[in-house]
Amino acid sequence: MGLRDYLGRVFQRATGGLSDQRAIRVRRGDYQSLLDREATVDDLAALRSFVASRSGVEFYVEPETAATDTTAVAVASDGEWIRRRVGSPAVARKLATELGIPAYDAAIVGYPDAMRRYRRPENGH
């Protein structure tokens, strides 16, 4: 079984058998985004993979804007980070609980200093 299949099964258990995409929509309520694109199963899988492969990860949940859906920034203890759409703050918090990591409201607490200092390795250019 591949990582994606395993994570899909784990998430289905946490959502009572709902698929990731269905769970995203259920937790959003009746609201339907008219923004650039909604969160996908791949977005959630990327966040799960990041958490599984790094230490000290925390989520910083960013509110929906006029240009993009609600996002979560996953920040590792060394400052490495990724940002992915999650659909709603409820989905981000549910995922954080499932993964056993903290989730903060980025608009209230801001971002960790390590994130600002982090430099991605040069890709040879």
PDB file of N, CA and C in Angstrom:
ATOM      1  N   MET A   1       0.859  -1.178   0.000  1.00  0.00           N
ATOM      2  CA  MET A   1       0.000   0.000   0.000  1.00  0.00           C
ATOM      3  C   MET A   1       0.901   1.235   0.000  1.00  0.00           C
ATOM      4  N   GLY A   2       0.635   2.170  -0.904  1.00  0.00           N
ATOM      5  CA  GLY A   2       1.399   3.404  -0.988  1.00  0.00           C
ATOM      6  C   GLY A   2       0.998   4.390   0.091  1.00  0.00           C
ATOM      7  N   LEU A   3       1.831   5.399   0.281  1.00  0.00           N
ATOM      8  CA  LEU A   3       1.565   6.419   1.290  1.00  0.00           C
ATOM      9  C   LEU A   3       0.229   7.108   1.053  1.00  0.00           C
ATOM     10  N   ARG A   4      -0.054   7.431  -0.206  1.00  0.00           N
ATOM     11  CA  ARG A   4      -1.309   8.111  -0.520  1.00  0.00           C
ATOM     12  C   ARG A   4      -2.513   7.242  -0.126  1.00  0.00           C
ATOM     13  N   ASP A   5      -2.446   5.938  -0.440  1.00  0.00           N
ATOM     14  CA  ASP A   5      -3.542   5.024  -0.071  1.00  0.00           C
ATOM     15  C   ASP A   5      -3.679   4.931   1.443  1.00  0.00           C
ATOM     16  N   TYR A   6      -2.530   4.814   2.133  1.00  0.00           N
ATOM     17  CA  TYR A   6      -2.559   4.722   3.588  1.00  0.00           C
ATOM     18  C   TYR A   6      -3.187   5.971   4.204  1.00  0.00           C
ATOM     19  N   LEU A   7      -2.720   7.151   3.747  1.00  0.00           N
ATOM     20  CA  LEU A   7      -3.253   8.395   4.295  1.00  0.00           C
ATOM     21  C   LEU A   7      -4.733   8.553   3.976  1.00  0.00           C
ATOM     22  N   GLY A   8      -5.134   8.108   2.786  1.00  0.00           N
ATOM     23  CA  GLY A   8      -6.548   8.159   2.434  1.00  0.00           C
ATOM     24  C   GLY A   8      -7.389   7.330   3.374  1.00  0.00           C
ATOM     25  N   ARG A   9      -6.895   6.159   3.722  1.00  0.00           N
ATOM     26  CA  ARG A   9      -7.642   5.298   4.655  1.00  0.00           C
ATOM     27  C   ARG A   9      -7.682   5.895   6.045  1.00  0.00           C
ATOM     28  N   VAL A  10      -6.560   6.462   6.503  1.00  0.00           N
ATOM     29  CA  VAL A  10      -6.533   7.089   7.823  1.00  0.00           C
ATOM     30  C   VAL A  10      -7.518   8.240   7.871  1.00  0.00           C
ATOM     31  N   PHE A  11      -7.513   9.084   6.828  1.00  0.00           N
ATOM     32  CA  PHE A  11      -8.411  10.232   6.832  1.00  0.00           C
ATOM     33  C   PHE A  11      -9.865   9.790   6.752  1.00  0.00           C
ATOM     34  N   GLN A  12     -10.152   8.739   6.014  1.00  0.00           N
ATOM     35  CA  GLN A  12     -11.527   8.250   5.932  1.00  0.00           C
ATOM     36  C   GLN A  12     -12.015   7.808   7.297  1.00  0.00           C
ATOM     37  N   ARG A  13     -11.134   7.151   8.084  1.00  0.00           N
ATOM     38  CA  ARG A  13     -11.532   6.757   9.437  1.00  0.00           C
ATOM     39  C   ARG A  13     -11.859   7.980  10.273  1.00  0.00           C
ATOM     40  N   ALA A  14     -11.047   9.031  10.145  1.00  0.00           N
ATOM     41  CA  ALA A  14     -11.246  10.241  10.935  1.00  0.00           C
ATOM     42  C   ALA A  14     -12.492  11.011  10.514  1.00  0.00           C
ATOM     43  N   THR A  15     -12.974  10.785   9.319  1.00  0.00           N
ATOM     44  CA  THR A  15     -14.140  11.519   8.838  1.00  0.00           C
ATOM     45  C   THR A  15     -15.368  10.629   8.726  1.00  0.00           C
ATOM     46  N   GLY A  16     -15.312   9.462   9.338  1.00  0.00           N
ATOM     47  CA  GLY A  16     -16.460   8.574   9.310  1.00  0.00           C
ATOM     48  C   GLY A  16     -16.704   7.980   7.940  1.00  0.00           C
ATOM     49  N   GLY A  17     -15.646   7.765   7.161  1.00  0.00           N
ATOM     50  CA  GLY A  17     -15.787   7.131   5.858  1.00  0.00           C
ATOM     51  C   GLY A  17     -15.944   8.099   4.701  1.00  0.00           C
ATOM     52  N   LEU A  18     -15.971   9.393   4.966  1.00  0.00           N
ATOM     53  CA  LEU A  18     -16.084  10.359   3.876  1.00  0.00           C
ATOM     54  C   LEU A  18     -14.750  10.477   3.164  1.00  0.00           C
ATOM     55  N   SER A  19     -14.779  10.658   1.872  1.00  0.00           N
ATOM     56  CA  SER A  19     -13.539  10.902   1.138  1.00  0.00           C
ATOM     57  C   SER A  19     -13.000  12.271   1.526  1.00  0.00           C
ATOM     58  N   ASP A  20     -11.701  12.516   1.265  1.00  0.00           N
ATOM     59  CA  ASP A  20     -11.116  13.815   1.576  1.00  0.00           C
ATOM     60  C   ASP A  20     -11.905  14.945   0.936  1.00  0.00           C
ATOM     61  N   GLN A  21     -12.199  14.821  -0.355  1.00  0.00           N
ATOM     62  CA  GLN A  21     -12.891  15.897  -1.056  1.00  0.00           C
ATOM     63  C   GLN A  21     -14.271  16.133  -0.452  1.00  0.00           C
ATOM     64  N   ARG A  22     -14.977  15.078  -0.145  1.00  0.00           N
ATOM     65  CA  ARG A  22     -16.302  15.213   0.475  1.00  0.00           C
ATOM     66  C   ARG A  22     -16.177  15.819   1.869  1.00  0.00           C
ATOM     67  N   ALA A  23     -15.166  15.405   2.623  1.00  0.00           N
ATOM     68  CA  ALA A  23     -14.959  15.939   3.965  1.00  0.00           C
ATOM     69  C   ALA A  23     -14.665  17.433   3.918  1.00  0.00           C
ATOM     70  N   ILE A  24     -13.885  17.858   2.931  1.00  0.00           N
ATOM     71  CA  ILE A  24     -13.603  19.286   2.781  1.00  0.00           C
ATOM     72  C   ILE A  24     -14.916  20.040   2.594  1.00  0.00           C
ATOM     73  N   ARG A  25     -15.767  19.542   1.704  1.00  0.00           N
ATOM     74  CA  ARG A  25     -17.034  20.218   1.427  1.00  0.00           C
ATOM     75  C   ARG A  25     -17.978  20.184   2.627  1.00  0.00           C
ATOM     76  N   VAL A  26     -18.052  19.049   3.327  1.00  0.00           N
ATOM     77  CA  VAL A  26     -18.943  18.937   4.480  1.00  0.00           C
ATOM     78  C   VAL A  26     -18.546  19.929   5.557  1.00  0.00           C
ATOM     79  N   ARG A  27     -17.248  20.035   5.831  1.00  0.00           N
ATOM     80  CA  ARG A  27     -16.800  20.924   6.898  1.00  0.00           C
ATOM     81  C   ARG A  27     -16.896  22.391   6.514  1.00  0.00           C
ATOM     82  N   ARG A  28     -17.018  22.682   5.231  1.00  0.00           N
ATOM     83  CA  ARG A  28     -17.180  24.068   4.786  1.00  0.00           C
ATOM     84  C   ARG A  28     -18.598  24.551   5.026  1.00  0.00           C
ATOM     85  N   GLY A  29     -19.524  23.648   5.189  1.00  0.00           N
ATOM     86  CA  GLY A  29     -20.917  24.028   5.286  1.00  0.00           C
ATOM     87  C   GLY A  29     -21.494  24.230   3.899  1.00  0.00           C
ATOM     88  N   ASP A  30     -22.509  25.045   3.787  1.00  0.00           N
ATOM     89  CA  ASP A  30     -23.165  25.273   2.506  1.00  0.00           C
ATOM     90  C   ASP A  30     -22.399  26.220   1.591  1.00  0.00           C
ATOM     91  N   TYR A  31     -21.370  26.849   2.135  1.00  0.00           N
ATOM     92  CA  TYR A  31     -20.619  27.834   1.370  1.00  0.00           C
ATOM     93  C   TYR A  31     -19.913  27.182   0.181  1.00  0.00           C
ATOM     94  N   GLN A  32     -20.007  27.783  -0.977  1.00  0.00           N
ATOM     95  CA  GLN A  32     -19.315  27.315  -2.182  1.00  0.00           C
ATOM     96  C   GLN A  32     -18.388  28.422  -2.652  1.00  0.00           C
ATOM     97  N   SER A  33     -17.111  28.151  -2.676  1.00  0.00           N
ATOM     98  CA  SER A  33     -16.123  29.152  -3.056  1.00  0.00           C
ATOM     99  C   SER A  33     -16.240  29.512  -4.530  1.00  0.00           C
ATOM    100  N   LEU A  34     -16.083  30.790  -4.812  1.00  0.00           N
ATOM    101  CA  LEU A  34     -16.024  31.258  -6.189  1.00  0.00           C
ATOM    102  C   LEU A  34     -14.606  31.728  -6.506  1.00  0.00           C
ATOM    103  N   LEU A  35     -13.663  31.278  -5.691  1.00  0.00           N
ATOM    104  CA  LEU A  35     -12.287  31.741  -5.814  1.00  0.00           C
ATOM    105  C   LEU A  35     -11.527  30.931  -6.849  1.00  0.00           C
ATOM    106  N   ASP A  36     -10.202  31.131  -6.891  1.00  0.00           N
ATOM    107  CA  ASP A  36      -9.395  30.540  -7.960  1.00  0.00           C
ATOM    108  C   ASP A  36      -9.538  29.022  -8.047  1.00  0.00           C
ATOM    109  N   ARG A  37      -9.448  28.312  -6.952  1.00  0.00           N
ATOM    110  CA  ARG A  37      -9.733  26.886  -6.933  1.00  0.00           C
ATOM    111  C   ARG A  37      -9.903  26.454  -5.488  1.00  0.00           C
ATOM    112  N   GLU A  38     -10.607  25.390  -5.283  1.00  0.00           N
ATOM    113  CA  GLU A  38     -10.833  24.888  -3.935  1.00  0.00           C
ATOM    114  C   GLU A  38      -9.723  23.931  -3.542  1.00  0.00           C
ATOM    115  N   ALA A  39      -9.682  23.622  -2.268  1.00  0.00           N
ATOM    116  CA  ALA A  39      -8.742  22.629  -1.766  1.00  0.00           C
ATOM    117  C   ALA A  39      -9.039  21.281  -2.401  1.00  0.00           C
ATOM    118  N   THR A  40      -7.989  20.497  -2.577  1.00  0.00           N
ATOM    119  CA  THR A  40      -8.140  19.172  -3.162  1.00  0.00           C
ATOM    120  C   THR A  40      -7.531  18.126  -2.235  1.00  0.00           C
ATOM    121  N   VAL A  41      -7.770  16.880  -2.560  1.00  0.00           N
ATOM    122  CA  VAL A  41      -7.177  15.768  -1.830  1.00  0.00           C
ATOM    123  C   VAL A  41      -5.654  15.888  -1.872  1.00  0.00           C
ATOM    124  N   ASP A  42      -5.102  16.312  -2.993  1.00  0.00           N
ATOM    125  CA  ASP A  42      -3.648  16.462  -3.125  1.00  0.00           C
ATOM    126  C   ASP A  42      -3.101  17.538  -2.185  1.00  0.00           C
ATOM    127  N   ASP A  43      -3.860  18.604  -1.961  1.00  0.00           N
ATOM    128  CA  ASP A  43      -3.429  19.645  -1.030  1.00  0.00           C
ATOM    129  C   ASP A  43      -3.293  19.072   0.374  1.00  0.00           C
ATOM    130  N   LEU A  44      -4.296  18.319   0.808  1.00  0.00           N
ATOM    131  CA  LEU A  44      -4.247  17.722   2.139  1.00  0.00           C
ATOM    132  C   LEU A  44      -3.137  16.682   2.232  1.00  0.00           C
ATOM    133  N   ALA A  45      -2.934  15.914   1.178  1.00  0.00           N
ATOM    134  CA  ALA A  45      -1.872  14.912   1.168  1.00  0.00           C
ATOM    135  C   ALA A  45      -0.501  15.578   1.276  1.00  0.00           C
ATOM    136  N   ALA A  46      -0.319  16.717   0.623  1.00  0.00           N
ATOM    137  CA  ALA A  46       0.954  17.437   0.696  1.00  0.00           C
ATOM    138  C   ALA A  46       1.225  17.904   2.122  1.00  0.00           C
ATOM    139  N   LEU A  47       0.195  18.389   2.806  1.00  0.00           N
ATOM    140  CA  LEU A  47       0.366  18.809   4.197  1.00  0.00           C
ATOM    141  C   LEU A  47       0.700  17.613   5.082  1.00  0.00           C
ATOM    142  N   ARG A  48       0.004  16.504   4.889  1.00  0.00           N
ATOM    143  CA  ARG A  48       0.286  15.292   5.674  1.00  0.00           C
ATOM    144  C   ARG A  48       1.722  14.819   5.443  1.00  0.00           C
ATOM    145  N   SER A  49       2.150  14.809   4.202  1.00  0.00           N
ATOM    146  CA  SER A  49       3.497  14.367   3.865  1.00  0.00           C
ATOM    147  C   SER A  49       4.542  15.273   4.503  1.00  0.00           C
ATOM    148  N   PHE A  50       4.317  16.569   4.481  1.00  0.00           N
ATOM    149  CA  PHE A  50       5.243  17.519   5.083  1.00  0.00           C
ATOM    150  C   PHE A  50       5.365  17.247   6.579  1.00  0.00           C
ATOM    151  N   VAL A  51       4.235  17.071   7.254  1.00  0.00           N
ATOM    152  CA  VAL A  51       4.234  16.810   8.696  1.00  0.00           C
ATOM    153  C   VAL A  51       4.968  15.500   9.004  1.00  0.00           C
ATOM    154  N   ALA A  52       4.730  14.480   8.196  1.00  0.00           N
ATOM    155  CA  ALA A  52       5.338  13.170   8.436  1.00  0.00           C
ATOM    156  C   ALA A  52       6.851  13.169   8.225  1.00  0.00           C
ATOM    157  N   SER A  53       7.357  14.087   7.409  1.00  0.00           N
ATOM    158  CA  SER A  53       8.777  14.059   7.048  1.00  0.00           C
ATOM    159  C   SER A  53       9.620  15.143   7.723  1.00  0.00           C
ATOM    160  N   ARG A  54       9.024  15.924   8.612  1.00  0.00           N
ATOM    161  CA  ARG A  54       9.758  16.988   9.291  1.00  0.00           C
ATOM    162  C   ARG A  54       9.401  17.014  10.770  1.00  0.00           C
ATOM    163  N   SER A  55      10.243  17.664  11.551  1.00  0.00           N
ATOM    164  CA  SER A  55       9.976  17.712  12.998  1.00  0.00           C
ATOM    165  C   SER A  55       9.434  19.074  13.415  1.00  0.00           C
ATOM    166  N   GLY A  56       8.666  19.048  14.483  1.00  0.00           N
ATOM    167  CA  GLY A  56       8.173  20.280  15.085  1.00  0.00           C
ATOM    168  C   GLY A  56       7.243  21.096  14.213  1.00  0.00           C
ATOM    169  N   VAL A  57       6.446  20.451  13.382  1.00  0.00           N
ATOM    170  CA  VAL A  57       5.579  21.185  12.448  1.00  0.00           C
ATOM    171  C   VAL A  57       4.369  21.754  13.176  1.00  0.00           C
ATOM    172  N   GLU A  58       4.023  22.976  12.790  1.00  0.00           N
ATOM    173  CA  GLU A  58       2.821  23.658  13.281  1.00  0.00           C
ATOM    174  C   GLU A  58       2.074  24.212  12.073  1.00  0.00           C
ATOM    175  N   PHE A  59       0.747  24.302  12.189  1.00  0.00           N
ATOM    176  CA  PHE A  59      -0.075  24.909  11.142  1.00  0.00           C
ATOM    177  C   PHE A  59      -0.392  26.341  11.522  1.00  0.00           C
ATOM    178  N   TYR A  60      -0.339  27.218  10.527  1.00  0.00           N
ATOM    179  CA  TYR A  60      -0.788  28.597  10.655  1.00  0.00           C
ATOM    180  C   TYR A  60      -1.899  28.763   9.626  1.00  0.00           C
ATOM    181  N   VAL A  61      -3.122  28.914  10.108  1.00  0.00           N
ATOM    182  CA  VAL A  61      -4.298  28.954   9.240  1.00  0.00           C
ATOM    183  C   VAL A  61      -4.528  30.391   8.789  1.00  0.00           C
ATOM    184  N   GLU A  62      -4.572  30.557   7.468  1.00  0.00           N
ATOM    185  CA  GLU A  62      -4.763  31.879   6.879  1.00  0.00           C
ATOM    186  C   GLU A  62      -6.195  32.003   6.374  1.00  0.00           C
ATOM    187  N   PRO A  63      -6.817  33.137   6.632  1.00  0.00           N
ATOM    188  CA  PRO A  63      -8.212  33.293   6.207  1.00  0.00           C
ATOM    189  C   PRO A  63      -8.354  33.376   4.694  1.00  0.00           C
ATOM    190  N   GLU A  64      -9.516  33.058   4.239  1.00  0.00           N
ATOM    191  CA  GLU A  64      -9.859  33.220   2.826  1.00  0.00           C
ATOM    192  C   GLU A  64      -9.707  34.686   2.449  1.00  0.00           C
ATOM    193  N   THR A  65      -9.255  34.916   1.225  1.00  0.00           N
ATOM    194  CA  THR A  65      -9.151  36.284   0.714  1.00  0.00           C
ATOM    195  C   THR A  65      -9.972  36.381  -0.562  1.00  0.00           C
ATOM    196  N   ALA A  66      -9.951  37.546  -1.171  1.00  0.00           N
ATOM    197  CA  ALA A  66     -10.660  37.716  -2.435  1.00  0.00           C
ATOM    198  C   ALA A  66     -10.009  36.900  -3.542  1.00  0.00           C
ATOM    199  N   ALA A  67      -8.761  36.495  -3.355  1.00  0.00           N
ATOM    200  CA  ALA A  67      -8.038  35.792  -4.406  1.00  0.00           C
ATOM    201  C   ALA A  67      -7.860  34.296  -4.171  1.00  0.00           C
ATOM    202  N   THR A  68      -7.937  33.846  -2.928  1.00  0.00           N
ATOM    203  CA  THR A  68      -7.673  32.433  -2.672  1.00  0.00           C
ATOM    204  C   THR A  68      -8.505  31.905  -1.509  1.00  0.00           C
ATOM    205  N   ASP A  69      -8.699  30.615  -1.521  1.00  0.00           N
ATOM    206  CA  ASP A  69      -9.438  29.907  -0.489  1.00  0.00           C
ATOM    207  C   ASP A  69      -8.630  29.917   0.816  1.00  0.00           C
ATOM    208  N   THR A  70      -9.220  29.465   1.904  1.00  0.00           N
ATOM    209  CA  THR A  70      -8.516  29.333   3.173  1.00  0.00           C
ATOM    210  C   THR A  70      -7.296  28.442   2.970  1.00  0.00           C
ATOM    211  N   THR A  71      -6.163  28.855   3.528  1.00  0.00           N
ATOM    212  CA  THR A  71      -4.934  28.084   3.395  1.00  0.00           C
ATOM    213  C   THR A  71      -4.361  27.765   4.765  1.00  0.00           C
ATOM    214  N   ALA A  72      -3.506  26.747   4.792  1.00  0.00           N
ATOM    215  CA  ALA A  72      -2.728  26.427   5.984  1.00  0.00           C
ATOM    216  C   ALA A  72      -1.265  26.444   5.576  1.00  0.00           C
ATOM    217  N   VAL A  73      -0.465  27.121   6.387  1.00  0.00           N
ATOM    218  CA  VAL A  73       0.977  27.113   6.192  1.00  0.00           C
ATOM    219  C   VAL A  73       1.536  26.148   7.231  1.00  0.00           C
ATOM    220  N   ALA A  74       2.199  25.099   6.765  1.00  0.00           N
ATOM    221  CA  ALA A  74       2.849  24.143   7.658  1.00  0.00           C
ATOM    222  C   ALA A  74       4.293  24.601   7.806  1.00  0.00           C
ATOM    223  N   VAL A  75       4.714  24.855   9.051  1.00  0.00           N
ATOM    224  CA  VAL A  75       6.059  25.361   9.305  1.00  0.00           C
ATOM    225  C   VAL A  75       6.788  24.377  10.219  1.00  0.00           C
ATOM    226  N   ALA A  76       7.942  23.884   9.753  1.00  0.00           N
ATOM    227  CA  ALA A  76       8.772  22.974  10.540  1.00  0.00           C
ATOM    228  C   ALA A  76       9.623  23.779  11.519  1.00  0.00           C
ATOM    229  N   SER A  77      10.233  23.094  12.486  1.00  0.00           N
ATOM    230  CA  SER A  77      11.019  23.776  13.513  1.00  0.00           C
ATOM    231  C   SER A  77      12.209  24.544  12.939  1.00  0.00           C
ATOM    232  N   ASP A  78      12.752  24.112  11.787  1.00  0.00           N
ATOM    233  CA  ASP A  78      13.879  24.829  11.174  1.00  0.00           C
ATOM    234  C   ASP A  78      13.436  25.995  10.301  1.00  0.00           C
ATOM    235  N   GLY A  79      12.111  26.185  10.171  1.00  0.00           N
ATOM    236  CA  GLY A  79      11.585  27.295   9.382  1.00  0.00           C
ATOM    237  C   GLY A  79      11.128  26.914   7.988  1.00  0.00           C
ATOM    238  N   GLU A  80      11.442  25.694   7.534  1.00  0.00           N
ATOM    239  CA  GLU A  80      10.959  25.264   6.224  1.00  0.00           C
ATOM    240  C   GLU A  80       9.439  25.259   6.254  1.00  0.00           C
ATOM    241  N   TRP A  81       8.811  25.643   5.144  1.00  0.00           N
ATOM    242  CA  TRP A  81       7.352  25.745   5.144  1.00  0.00           C
ATOM    243  C   TRP A  81       6.773  25.459   3.771  1.00  0.00           C
ATOM    244  N   ILE A  82       5.477  25.094   3.803  1.00  0.00           N
ATOM    245  CA  ILE A  82       4.671  24.984   2.587  1.00  0.00           C
ATOM    246  C   ILE A  82       3.298  25.579   2.882  1.00  0.00           C
ATOM    247  N   ARG A  83       2.642  26.033   1.849  1.00  0.00           N
ATOM    248  CA  ARG A  83       1.285  26.591   1.972  1.00  0.00           C
ATOM    249  C   ARG A  83       0.384  25.815   1.023  1.00  0.00           C
ATOM    250  N   ARG A  84      -0.760  25.364   1.541  1.00  0.00           N
ATOM    251  CA  ARG A  84      -1.732  24.648   0.712  1.00  0.00           C
ATOM    252  C   ARG A  84      -3.139  25.090   1.084  1.00  0.00           C
ATOM    253  N   ARG A  85      -4.029  25.021   0.116  1.00  0.00           N
ATOM    254  CA  ARG A  85      -5.437  25.313   0.368  1.00  0.00           C
ATOM    255  C   ARG A  85      -6.035  24.191   1.207  1.00  0.00           C
ATOM    256  N   VAL A  86      -6.937  24.568   2.097  1.00  0.00           N
ATOM    257  CA  VAL A  86      -7.580  23.561   2.951  1.00  0.00           C
ATOM    258  C   VAL A  86      -9.097  23.628   2.908  1.00  0.00           C
ATOM    259  N   GLY A  87      -9.662  24.648   2.323  1.00  0.00           N
ATOM    260  CA  GLY A  87     -11.118  24.723   2.206  1.00  0.00           C
ATOM    261  C   GLY A  87     -11.782  25.553   3.266  1.00  0.00           C
ATOM    262  N   SER A  88     -11.386  25.368   4.522  1.00  0.00           N
ATOM    263  CA  SER A  88     -11.962  26.144   5.617  1.00  0.00           C
ATOM    264  C   SER A  88     -11.085  25.992   6.850  1.00  0.00           C
ATOM    265  N   PRO A  89     -11.220  26.906   7.808  1.00  0.00           N
ATOM    266  CA  PRO A  89     -10.473  26.749   9.057  1.00  0.00           C
ATOM    267  C   PRO A  89     -10.821  25.439   9.776  1.00  0.00           C
ATOM    268  N   ALA A  90     -12.061  24.997   9.668  1.00  0.00           N
ATOM    269  CA  ALA A  90     -12.470  23.751  10.317  1.00  0.00           C
ATOM    270  C   ALA A  90     -11.708  22.558   9.750  1.00  0.00           C
ATOM    271  N   VAL A  91     -11.491  22.530   8.447  1.00  0.00           N
ATOM    272  CA  VAL A  91     -10.736  21.440   7.830  1.00  0.00           C
ATOM    273  C   VAL A  91      -9.288  21.476   8.321  1.00  0.00           C
ATOM    274  N   ALA A  92      -8.684  22.659   8.385  1.00  0.00           N
ATOM    275  CA  ALA A  92      -7.297  22.785   8.846  1.00  0.00           C
ATOM    276  C   ALA A  92      -7.158  22.311  10.283  1.00  0.00           C
ATOM    277  N   ARG A  93      -8.093  22.702  11.128  1.00  0.00           N
ATOM    278  CA  ARG A  93      -8.017  22.310  12.534  1.00  0.00           C
ATOM    279  C   ARG A  93      -8.255  20.811  12.715  1.00  0.00           C
ATOM    280  N   LYS A  94      -9.160  20.246  11.940  1.00  0.00           N
ATOM    281  CA  LYS A  94      -9.408  18.807  11.987  1.00  0.00           C
ATOM    282  C   LYS A  94      -8.157  18.042  11.557  1.00  0.00           C
ATOM    283  N   LEU A  95      -7.511  18.499  10.500  1.00  0.00           N
ATOM    284  CA  LEU A  95      -6.300  17.857  10.023  1.00  0.00           C
ATOM    285  C   LEU A  95      -5.185  17.972  11.066  1.00  0.00           C
ATOM    286  N   ALA A  96      -5.034  19.137  11.678  1.00  0.00           N
ATOM    287  CA  ALA A  96      -4.018  19.324  12.723  1.00  0.00           C
ATOM    288  C   ALA A  96      -4.271  18.381  13.896  1.00  0.00           C
ATOM    289  N   THR A  97      -5.521  18.256  14.302  1.00  0.00           N
ATOM    290  CA  THR A  97      -5.869  17.348  15.392  1.00  0.00           C
ATOM    291  C   THR A  97      -5.535  15.909  15.015  1.00  0.00           C
ATOM    292  N   GLU A  98      -5.895  15.525  13.799  1.00  0.00           N
ATOM    293  CA  GLU A  98      -5.601  14.175  13.300  1.00  0.00           C
ATOM    294  C   GLU A  98      -4.105  13.896  13.332  1.00  0.00           C
ATOM    295  N   LEU A  99      -3.299  14.893  12.978  1.00  0.00           N
ATOM    296  CA  LEU A  99      -1.850  14.724  12.903  1.00  0.00           C
ATOM    297  C   LEU A  99      -1.144  14.987  14.232  1.00  0.00           C
ATOM    298  N   GLY A 100      -1.893  15.461  15.221  1.00  0.00           N
ATOM    299  CA  GLY A 100      -1.317  15.713  16.544  1.00  0.00           C
ATOM    300  C   GLY A 100      -0.390  16.902  16.599  1.00  0.00           C
ATOM    301  N   ILE A 101      -0.723  17.946  15.830  1.00  0.00           N
ATOM    302  CA  ILE A 101       0.104  19.152  15.817  1.00  0.00           C
ATOM    303  C   ILE A 101      -0.762  20.366  16.142  1.00  0.00           C
ATOM    304  N   PRO A 102      -0.151  21.444  16.602  1.00  0.00           N
ATOM    305  CA  PRO A 102      -0.928  22.649  16.893  1.00  0.00           C
ATOM    306  C   PRO A 102      -1.323  23.407  15.629  1.00  0.00           C
ATOM    307  N   ALA A 103      -2.426  24.129  15.719  1.00  0.00           N
ATOM    308  CA  ALA A 103      -2.876  25.006  14.632  1.00  0.00           C
ATOM    309  C   ALA A 103      -3.177  26.368  15.235  1.00  0.00           C
ATOM    310  N   TYR A 104      -2.656  27.396  14.595  1.00  0.00           N
ATOM    311  CA  TYR A 104      -2.835  28.763  15.070  1.00  0.00           C
ATOM    312  C   TYR A 104      -3.509  29.596  13.997  1.00  0.00           C
ATOM    313  N   ASP A 105      -4.173  30.655  14.414  1.00  0.00           N
ATOM    314  CA  ASP A 105      -4.766  31.605  13.490  1.00  0.00           C
ATOM    315  C   ASP A 105      -3.680  32.615  13.118  1.00  0.00           C
ATOM    316  N   ALA A 106      -3.203  32.556  11.890  1.00  0.00           N
ATOM    317  CA  ALA A 106      -2.091  33.402  11.459  1.00  0.00           C
ATOM    318  C   ALA A 106      -2.412  34.890  11.564  1.00  0.00           C
ATOM    319  N   ALA A 107      -3.671  35.250  11.391  1.00  0.00           N
ATOM    320  CA  ALA A 107      -4.052  36.666  11.466  1.00  0.00           C
ATOM    321  C   ALA A 107      -3.938  37.194  12.894  1.00  0.00           C
ATOM    322  N   ILE A 108      -3.959  36.310  13.869  1.00  0.00           N
ATOM    323  CA  ILE A 108      -3.869  36.729  15.272  1.00  0.00           C
ATOM    324  C   ILE A 108      -2.445  36.607  15.804  1.00  0.00           C
ATOM    325  N   VAL A 109      -1.797  35.469  15.573  1.00  0.00           N
ATOM    326  CA  VAL A 109      -0.479  35.229  16.175  1.00  0.00           C
ATOM    327  C   VAL A 109       0.686  35.540  15.247  1.00  0.00           C
ATOM    328  N   GLY A 110       0.433  35.714  13.960  1.00  0.00           N
ATOM    329  CA  GLY A 110       1.518  35.950  13.014  1.00  0.00           C
ATOM    330  C   GLY A 110       2.235  34.653  12.679  1.00  0.00           C
ATOM    331  N   TYR A 111       3.477  34.761  12.183  1.00  0.00           N
ATOM    332  CA  TYR A 111       4.263  33.606  11.755  1.00  0.00           C
ATOM    333  C   TYR A 111       5.537  33.528  12.583  1.00  0.00           C
ATOM    334  N   PRO A 112       6.082  32.317  12.717  1.00  0.00           N
ATOM    335  CA  PRO A 112       7.308  32.190  13.512  1.00  0.00           C
ATOM    336  C   PRO A 112       8.503  32.840  12.826  1.00  0.00           C
ATOM    337  N   ASP A 113       9.431  33.366  13.625  1.00  0.00           N
ATOM    338  CA  ASP A 113      10.636  34.010  13.076  1.00  0.00           C
ATOM    339  C   ASP A 113      11.438  33.050  12.212  1.00  0.00           C
ATOM    340  N   ALA A 114      11.466  31.771  12.595  1.00  0.00           N
ATOM    341  CA  ALA A 114      12.249  30.787  11.824  1.00  0.00           C
ATOM    342  C   ALA A 114      11.772  30.720  10.379  1.00  0.00           C
ATOM    343  N   MET A 115      10.490  30.926  10.163  1.00  0.00           N
ATOM    344  CA  MET A 115       9.949  30.888   8.802  1.00  0.00           C
ATOM    345  C   MET A 115      10.529  32.027   7.965  1.00  0.00           C
ATOM    346  N   ARG A 116      10.636  33.182   8.550  1.00  0.00           N
ATOM    347  CA  ARG A 116      11.184  34.336   7.836  1.00  0.00           C
ATOM    348  C   ARG A 116      12.674  34.152   7.528  1.00  0.00           C
ATOM    349  N   ARG A 117      13.389  33.481   8.429  1.00  0.00           N
ATOM    350  CA  ARG A 117      14.830  33.283   8.259  1.00  0.00           C
ATOM    351  C   ARG A 117      15.162  32.121   7.333  1.00  0.00           C
ATOM    352  N   TYR A 118      14.198  31.244   7.074  1.00  0.00           N
ATOM    353  CA  TYR A 118      14.489  30.035   6.310  1.00  0.00           C
ATOM    354  C   TYR A 118      14.882  30.379   4.871  1.00  0.00           C
ATOM    355  N   ARG A 119      15.934  29.756   4.415  1.00  0.00           N
ATOM    356  CA  ARG A 119      16.389  29.913   3.033  1.00  0.00           C
ATOM    357  C   ARG A 119      16.318  28.546   2.367  1.00  0.00           C
ATOM    358  N   ARG A 120      15.581  28.479   1.291  1.00  0.00           N
ATOM    359  CA  ARG A 120      15.502  27.216   0.548  1.00  0.00           C
ATOM    360  C   ARG A 120      16.855  26.952  -0.110  1.00  0.00           C
ATOM    361  N   PRO A 121      17.279  25.684  -0.139  1.00  0.00           N
ATOM    362  CA  PRO A 121      18.558  25.375  -0.793  1.00  0.00           C
ATOM    363  C   PRO A 121      18.544  25.822  -2.254  1.00  0.00           C
ATOM    364  N   GLU A 122      19.675  26.304  -2.714  1.00  0.00           N
ATOM    365  CA  GLU A 122      19.797  26.714  -4.119  1.00  0.00           C
ATOM    366  C   GLU A 122      19.600  25.492  -5.006  1.00  0.00           C
ATOM    367  N   ASN A 123      18.917  25.661  -6.109  1.00  0.00           N
ATOM    368  CA  ASN A 123      18.655  24.530  -7.016  1.00  0.00           C
ATOM    369  C   ASN A 123      19.642  24.518  -8.180  1.00  0.00           C
ATOM    370  N   GLY A 124      20.814  25.088  -7.973  1.00  0.00           N
ATOM    371  CA  GLY A 124      21.848  25.008  -9.003  1.00  0.00           C
ATOM    372  C   GLY A 124      21.831  26.131 -10.019  1.00  0.00           C
ATOM    373  N   HIS A 125      20.989  27.146  -9.830  1.00  0.00           N
ATOM    374  CA  HIS A 125      20.920  28.260 -10.781  1.00  0.00           C
ATOM    375  C   HIS A 125      21.754  29.417 -10.313  1.00  0.00           C
TER     376      HIS A 125
END
